[in-house]
Amino acid sequence: AQASLQNIGKYAAAFETTAKKLIKMKVSNTVATSVLEAVLPNRPRRADQIERILTAWHEAETVGFDGYGWGLLNAVSEDFDWGRAGGSAESRFVGALQGNTTNTINRVAGRLLSRV
């Protein structure tokens, strides 16, 4: 139990460091689009999905941080959780923990952070 508590503390510290970097990271539309094109599968409606994500990044009250890496990450999360048709509350929950949502968020964060 003690080791688990220490690991939680390390995770929280690492998460905070990453979040602070993304909060301070200015990102242009060009860079955001490039990151999304690299991360999202090349399917017929990918351009529509990228447009939804960029619109949410700039306009959605629930996303915030317009023009910054943290906001882009939030917009991706919002699109995967709520912007796609179908799926149950359970499938969204599982996707956020270990599925496509979390994998995509991690890839977006990785691409953004590798630009620093």
C-alpha atoms as a PDB file:
ATOM      1  CA  ALA A   1       0.000   0.000   0.000  1.00  0.00           C
ATOM      2  CA  GLN A   2       2.841   2.368   0.821  1.00  0.00           C
ATOM      3  CA  ALA A   3       4.459   1.779  -2.579  1.00  0.00           C
ATOM      4  CA  SER A   4       1.135   2.470  -4.310  1.00  0.00           C
ATOM      5  CA  LEU A   5       0.793   5.789  -2.488  1.00  0.00           C
ATOM      6  CA  GLN A   6       4.308   6.773  -3.520  1.00  0.00           C
ATOM      7  CA  ASN A   7       3.548   5.885  -7.134  1.00  0.00           C
ATOM      8  CA  ILE A   8       0.371   7.960  -7.056  1.00  0.00           C
ATOM      9  CA  GLY A   9       2.399  10.912  -5.796  1.00  0.00           C
ATOM     10  CA  LYS A  10       4.965  10.463  -8.588  1.00  0.00           C
ATOM     11  CA  TYR A  11       2.216  10.198 -11.187  1.00  0.00           C
ATOM     12  CA  ALA A  12       0.500  13.335  -9.895  1.00  0.00           C
ATOM     13  CA  ALA A  13       3.780  15.274 -10.008  1.00  0.00           C
ATOM     14  CA  ALA A  14       4.527  14.111 -13.559  1.00  0.00           C
ATOM     15  CA  PHE A  15       0.971  14.947 -14.657  1.00  0.00           C
ATOM     16  CA  GLU A  16       1.237  18.437 -13.175  1.00  0.00           C
ATOM     17  CA  THR A  17       4.553  19.064 -14.944  1.00  0.00           C
ATOM     18  CA  THR A  18       3.107  17.938 -18.278  1.00  0.00           C
ATOM     19  CA  ALA A  19      -0.082  19.954 -17.816  1.00  0.00           C
ATOM     20  CA  LYS A  20       1.899  23.111 -17.014  1.00  0.00           C
ATOM     21  CA  LYS A  21       3.987  22.680 -20.181  1.00  0.00           C
ATOM     22  CA  LEU A  22       0.863  22.273 -22.318  1.00  0.00           C
ATOM     23  CA  ILE A  23      -0.904  25.206 -20.628  1.00  0.00           C
ATOM     24  CA  LYS A  24       2.019  27.505 -21.512  1.00  0.00           C
ATOM     25  CA  MET A  25       2.553  26.077 -25.018  1.00  0.00           C
ATOM     26  CA  LYS A  26       1.204  28.341 -27.765  1.00  0.00           C
ATOM     27  CA  VAL A  27       0.035  26.326 -30.764  1.00  0.00           C
ATOM     28  CA  SER A  28      -0.936  27.729 -34.167  1.00  0.00           C
ATOM     29  CA  ASN A  29      -3.748  26.348 -36.313  1.00  0.00           C
ATOM     30  CA  THR A  30      -1.125  25.074 -38.755  1.00  0.00           C
ATOM     31  CA  VAL A  31       0.686  23.096 -36.072  1.00  0.00           C
ATOM     32  CA  ALA A  32      -2.572  21.833 -34.557  1.00  0.00           C
ATOM     33  CA  THR A  33      -3.784  20.644 -37.944  1.00  0.00           C
ATOM     34  CA  SER A  34      -0.448  18.950 -38.640  1.00  0.00           C
ATOM     35  CA  VAL A  35      -0.546  17.157 -35.283  1.00  0.00           C
ATOM     36  CA  LEU A  36      -4.123  16.008 -35.820  1.00  0.00           C
ATOM     37  CA  GLU A  37      -3.382  14.799 -39.351  1.00  0.00           C
ATOM     38  CA  ALA A  38      -0.456  12.773 -38.018  1.00  0.00           C
ATOM     39  CA  VAL A  39      -2.480  11.235 -35.185  1.00  0.00           C
ATOM     40  CA  LEU A  40      -5.951  10.642 -36.611  1.00  0.00           C
ATOM     41  CA  PRO A  41      -6.485   7.754 -39.047  1.00  0.00           C
ATOM     42  CA  ASN A  42      -6.750   8.793 -42.695  1.00  0.00           C
ATOM     43  CA  ARG A  43     -10.436   8.050 -43.184  1.00  0.00           C
ATOM     44  CA  PRO A  44     -12.976   9.789 -45.427  1.00  0.00           C
ATOM     45  CA  ARG A  45     -14.340  12.041 -42.645  1.00  0.00           C
ATOM     46  CA  ARG A  46     -10.997  12.932 -41.008  1.00  0.00           C
ATOM     47  CA  ALA A  47     -11.122  16.499 -42.354  1.00  0.00           C
ATOM     48  CA  ASP A  48     -14.561  16.939 -40.751  1.00  0.00           C
ATOM     49  CA  GLN A  49     -13.256  15.606 -37.436  1.00  0.00           C
ATOM     50  CA  ILE A  50     -10.248  17.933 -37.544  1.00  0.00           C
ATOM     51  CA  GLU A  51     -12.560  20.877 -38.235  1.00  0.00           C
ATOM     52  CA  ARG A  52     -14.804  19.891 -35.277  1.00  0.00           C
ATOM     53  CA  ILE A  53     -11.779  19.649 -32.985  1.00  0.00           C
ATOM     54  CA  LEU A  54     -10.347  22.998 -34.107  1.00  0.00           C
ATOM     55  CA  THR A  55     -13.736  24.697 -33.756  1.00  0.00           C
ATOM     56  CA  ALA A  56     -14.155  23.308 -30.236  1.00  0.00           C
ATOM     57  CA  TRP A  57     -10.595  24.383 -29.384  1.00  0.00           C
ATOM     58  CA  HIS A  58     -11.384  27.967 -30.358  1.00  0.00           C
ATOM     59  CA  GLU A  59     -15.023  28.266 -29.336  1.00  0.00           C
ATOM     60  CA  ALA A  60     -16.264  25.656 -26.845  1.00  0.00           C
ATOM     61  CA  GLU A  61     -16.683  26.927 -23.306  1.00  0.00           C
ATOM     62  CA  THR A  62     -16.013  23.424 -21.988  1.00  0.00           C
ATOM     63  CA  VAL A  63     -12.594  23.261 -23.682  1.00  0.00           C
ATOM     64  CA  GLY A  64     -10.854  26.517 -22.756  1.00  0.00           C
ATOM     65  CA  PHE A  65      -7.204  27.440 -23.377  1.00  0.00           C
ATOM     66  CA  ASP A  66      -7.771  28.617 -26.956  1.00  0.00           C
ATOM     67  CA  GLY A  67      -4.474  28.668 -28.837  1.00  0.00           C
ATOM     68  CA  TYR A  68      -2.602  26.524 -26.310  1.00  0.00           C
ATOM     69  CA  GLY A  69      -1.620  22.861 -26.197  1.00  0.00           C
ATOM     70  CA  TRP A  70      -3.794  22.093 -23.168  1.00  0.00           C
ATOM     71  CA  GLY A  71      -6.847  23.406 -25.003  1.00  0.00           C
ATOM     72  CA  LEU A  72      -6.100  21.303 -28.080  1.00  0.00           C
ATOM     73  CA  LEU A  73      -5.840  18.229 -25.865  1.00  0.00           C
ATOM     74  CA  ASN A  74      -9.167  19.105 -24.241  1.00  0.00           C
ATOM     75  CA  ALA A  75     -10.778  19.582 -27.665  1.00  0.00           C
ATOM     76  CA  VAL A  76      -9.579  16.152 -28.799  1.00  0.00           C
ATOM     77  CA  SER A  77     -10.927  14.611 -25.620  1.00  0.00           C
ATOM     78  CA  GLU A  78     -14.270  16.363 -26.032  1.00  0.00           C
ATOM     79  CA  ASP A  79     -14.598  15.219 -29.630  1.00  0.00           C
ATOM     80  CA  PHE A  80     -13.817  11.604 -28.775  1.00  0.00           C
ATOM     81  CA  ASP A  81     -16.107  11.604 -25.739  1.00  0.00           C
ATOM     82  CA  TRP A  82     -19.061  13.584 -27.106  1.00  0.00           C
ATOM     83  CA  GLY A  83     -18.578  14.491 -30.775  1.00  0.00           C
ATOM     84  CA  ARG A  84     -18.877  11.055 -32.285  1.00  0.00           C
ATOM     85  CA  ALA A  85     -22.194   9.395 -32.948  1.00  0.00           C
ATOM     86  CA  GLY A  86     -23.208   6.239 -31.138  1.00  0.00           C
ATOM     87  CA  GLY A  87     -21.631   4.545 -28.196  1.00  0.00           C
ATOM     88  CA  SER A  88     -22.861   4.135 -24.686  1.00  0.00           C
ATOM     89  CA  ALA A  89     -21.794   5.888 -21.516  1.00  0.00           C
ATOM     90  CA  GLU A  90     -19.902   2.712 -20.656  1.00  0.00           C
ATOM     91  CA  SER A  91     -18.007   2.666 -23.973  1.00  0.00           C
ATOM     92  CA  ARG A  92     -17.032   6.335 -23.531  1.00  0.00           C
ATOM     93  CA  PHE A  93     -15.819   5.575 -20.007  1.00  0.00           C
ATOM     94  CA  VAL A  94     -13.729   2.593 -21.127  1.00  0.00           C
ATOM     95  CA  GLY A  95     -12.376   4.567 -24.100  1.00  0.00           C
ATOM     96  CA  ALA A  96     -11.285   7.362 -21.780  1.00  0.00           C
ATOM     97  CA  LEU A  97      -9.465   4.925 -19.506  1.00  0.00           C
ATOM     98  CA  GLN A  98      -7.826   2.511 -21.894  1.00  0.00           C
ATOM     99  CA  GLY A  99      -9.231   2.786 -25.389  1.00  0.00           C
ATOM    100  CA  ASN A 100      -9.083   4.945 -28.454  1.00  0.00           C
ATOM    101  CA  THR A 101      -9.746   8.194 -26.578  1.00  0.00           C
ATOM    102  CA  THR A 102      -6.814   7.872 -24.204  1.00  0.00           C
ATOM    103  CA  ASN A 103      -4.522   6.533 -26.927  1.00  0.00           C
ATOM    104  CA  THR A 104      -5.282   9.489 -29.190  1.00  0.00           C
ATOM    105  CA  ILE A 105      -4.898  12.015 -26.371  1.00  0.00           C
ATOM    106  CA  ASN A 106      -1.529  10.495 -25.488  1.00  0.00           C
ATOM    107  CA  ARG A 107      -0.365  10.661 -29.117  1.00  0.00           C
ATOM    108  CA  VAL A 108      -1.456  14.300 -29.431  1.00  0.00           C
ATOM    109  CA  ALA A 109       0.310  15.192 -26.170  1.00  0.00           C
ATOM    110  CA  GLY A 110       3.433  13.334 -27.276  1.00  0.00           C
ATOM    111  CA  ARG A 111       3.566  15.182 -30.594  1.00  0.00           C
ATOM    112  CA  LEU A 112       2.996  18.541 -28.933  1.00  0.00           C
ATOM    113  CA  LEU A 113       5.602  17.940 -26.233  1.00  0.00           C
ATOM    114  CA  SER A 114       8.173  16.703 -28.745  1.00  0.00           C
ATOM    115  CA  ARG A 115       7.992  20.159 -30.362  1.00  0.00           C
ATOM    116  CA  VAL A 116       9.280  21.871 -27.205  1.00  0.00           C
END
